[in-house]
Each structure stands twice: as structure tokens, then as C-alpha cells.
Protein backbone atom coordinates (compact mmCIF):
# COMPACT_ATOMS: atom_id res chain seq x y z
CA MET A 1 71.33 113.36 103.76
CA LYS A 2 74.45 114.28 101.80
CA GLU A 3 76.40 111.42 103.37
CA THR A 4 73.58 108.96 102.58
CA MET A 5 73.46 110.10 98.94
CA ASN A 6 77.24 109.78 98.66
CA LYS A 7 77.03 106.20 99.94
CA LEU A 8 74.21 105.36 97.55
CA TYR A 9 76.13 106.89 94.67
CA ALA A 10 79.26 104.93 95.54
CA GLN A 11 77.29 101.69 95.82
CA PHE A 12 75.05 101.99 92.75
CA ARG A 13 76.98 104.17 90.28
CA LYS A 14 78.84 101.43 88.41
CA PRO A 15 76.05 98.85 88.12
CA LEU A 16 73.47 101.47 87.12
CA LEU A 17 75.83 103.03 84.58
CA TYR A 18 76.45 99.58 83.10
CA PHE A 19 72.69 98.92 82.97
CA ILE A 20 71.93 102.25 81.28
CA THR A 21 74.83 101.98 78.83
CA SER A 22 73.63 98.54 77.77
CA LYS A 23 70.25 100.11 76.93
CA VAL A 24 71.32 103.34 75.20
CA ARG A 25 74.69 102.28 73.74
CA ASP A 26 76.27 105.68 74.40
CA LYS A 27 78.33 106.30 77.54
CA ASN A 28 77.85 110.09 77.49
CA ILE A 29 74.08 109.75 77.30
CA ALA A 30 74.21 107.02 79.95
CA GLU A 31 76.10 109.33 82.32
CA ASP A 32 73.47 112.07 81.79
CA LEU A 33 70.68 109.60 82.48
CA LEU A 34 72.49 108.33 85.57
CA GLN A 35 72.55 111.88 86.88
CA GLU A 36 68.78 112.07 86.32
CA VAL A 37 68.38 108.84 88.28
CA PHE A 38 70.17 110.21 91.33
CA ILE A 39 68.27 113.49 91.15
CA LYS A 40 65.02 111.55 91.11
CA VAL A 41 66.18 109.35 93.98
CA TYR A 42 67.12 112.43 96.00
CA LYS A 43 63.76 114.12 95.35
CA ASN A 44 61.73 110.98 96.11
CA ILE A 45 63.71 109.24 98.84
CA ASN A 46 60.94 109.94 101.36
CA GLU A 47 58.52 108.02 99.14
CA PHE A 48 60.60 104.85 99.33
CA ASN A 49 58.66 101.98 100.89
CA GLU A 50 61.00 100.41 103.44
CA ASN A 51 59.17 97.09 103.11
CA LEU A 52 60.73 96.75 99.64
CA THR A 53 64.37 96.40 98.66
CA PHE A 54 66.14 99.63 97.81
CA SER A 55 67.95 98.09 94.86
CA SER A 56 64.64 97.16 93.21
CA TRP A 57 63.36 100.67 93.73
CA ILE A 58 66.44 102.39 92.25
CA TYR A 59 66.56 99.96 89.31
CA ARG A 60 62.88 100.68 88.60
CA ILE A 61 63.65 104.41 88.53
CA THR A 62 66.61 103.74 86.24
CA HIS A 63 64.54 101.55 83.95
CA ASN A 64 61.78 104.18 83.71
CA ILE A 65 64.23 106.98 82.91
CA THR A 66 65.80 104.83 80.20
CA ILE A 67 62.37 104.05 78.71
CA ASP A 68 61.47 107.75 78.78
CA PHE A 69 64.71 108.55 76.95
CA HIS A 70 63.87 106.03 74.21
CA ARG A 71 60.32 107.36 73.87
CA LYS A 72 61.57 110.93 73.46
CA ASN A 73 64.23 109.96 70.92
CA ARG A 74 62.62 107.13 69.00
CA CYS A 75 61.82 109.20 65.90
CA LYS A 76 64.92 111.37 65.89
CA LYS A 77 67.26 110.08 63.20
CA ASN A 78 69.75 112.44 61.63
CA VAL A 79 69.89 112.60 57.86
CA SER A 80 72.41 114.80 56.11
CA LEU A 81 71.12 116.97 53.28
CA GLN A 82 74.43 116.68 51.43
CA THR A 83 74.52 113.24 49.85
CA ASP A 84 76.55 110.99 47.63
CA ASP A 85 75.76 107.47 46.36
CA ASP A 86 76.58 105.84 49.70
CA ASP A 87 74.39 108.33 51.50
CA TYR A 88 71.43 107.43 49.30
CA LYS A 89 71.84 103.80 50.36
CA ASN A 90 72.00 104.90 54.00
CA LEU A 91 68.92 107.05 53.54
CA ILE A 92 67.02 104.09 52.12
CA ASP A 93 68.10 101.97 55.10
CA ILE A 94 66.93 104.67 57.51
CA LEU A 95 63.58 105.03 55.80
CA ASP A 96 63.06 101.27 55.71
CA SER A 97 63.67 100.92 59.45
């Protein structure tokens, strides 16, 4: 199983990381989410339907993990309590979005 996972990681790491990074716009977060993808793949590999393509299955997992990340973080915007005039403008922009 370890050898299989190493092959899958080698094959899918770059394209999945690119896909995730394009969705979250932060490479560090993307790398964390990629790790979650491969953990989920490892835990659920026996559930894979061999009548389907593996790439579709792993991309669906990746997509779902990315969506979950956005759902969990959609309302989390950082606002500093120390402000100056520029910060007030930024605060207004944040509140308007």
C-alpha cells in the first residue's frame, strides 16, 4: 500500500497542488489541504469504484476539501483594533463586502 500511495502522490501532487492553490490563493494553505486530500484517499481507497476513473475520484475529493475550507473560513476576516485613516477605509471595504 505504501508503494501505491507513493506512486499516486508522485503522479497527482503537482496538478492537485496547482488546482488547490488556484482556489485558495495561498500556497501554504494549499499544501495543508493537499495533505488532507491524500489522507482521505488513503482512508477511502477501498471505496473507490474501479468502473470510474481514478483521476475523477481524486479531483472530486480535492474539490470537496477545498469547498469545505471555504465554508469554514468564509466569515473569518481579520480586522486590526489599532487603526489610522487608511485602516478606516479598509474597514469600510471589509464591511461592504
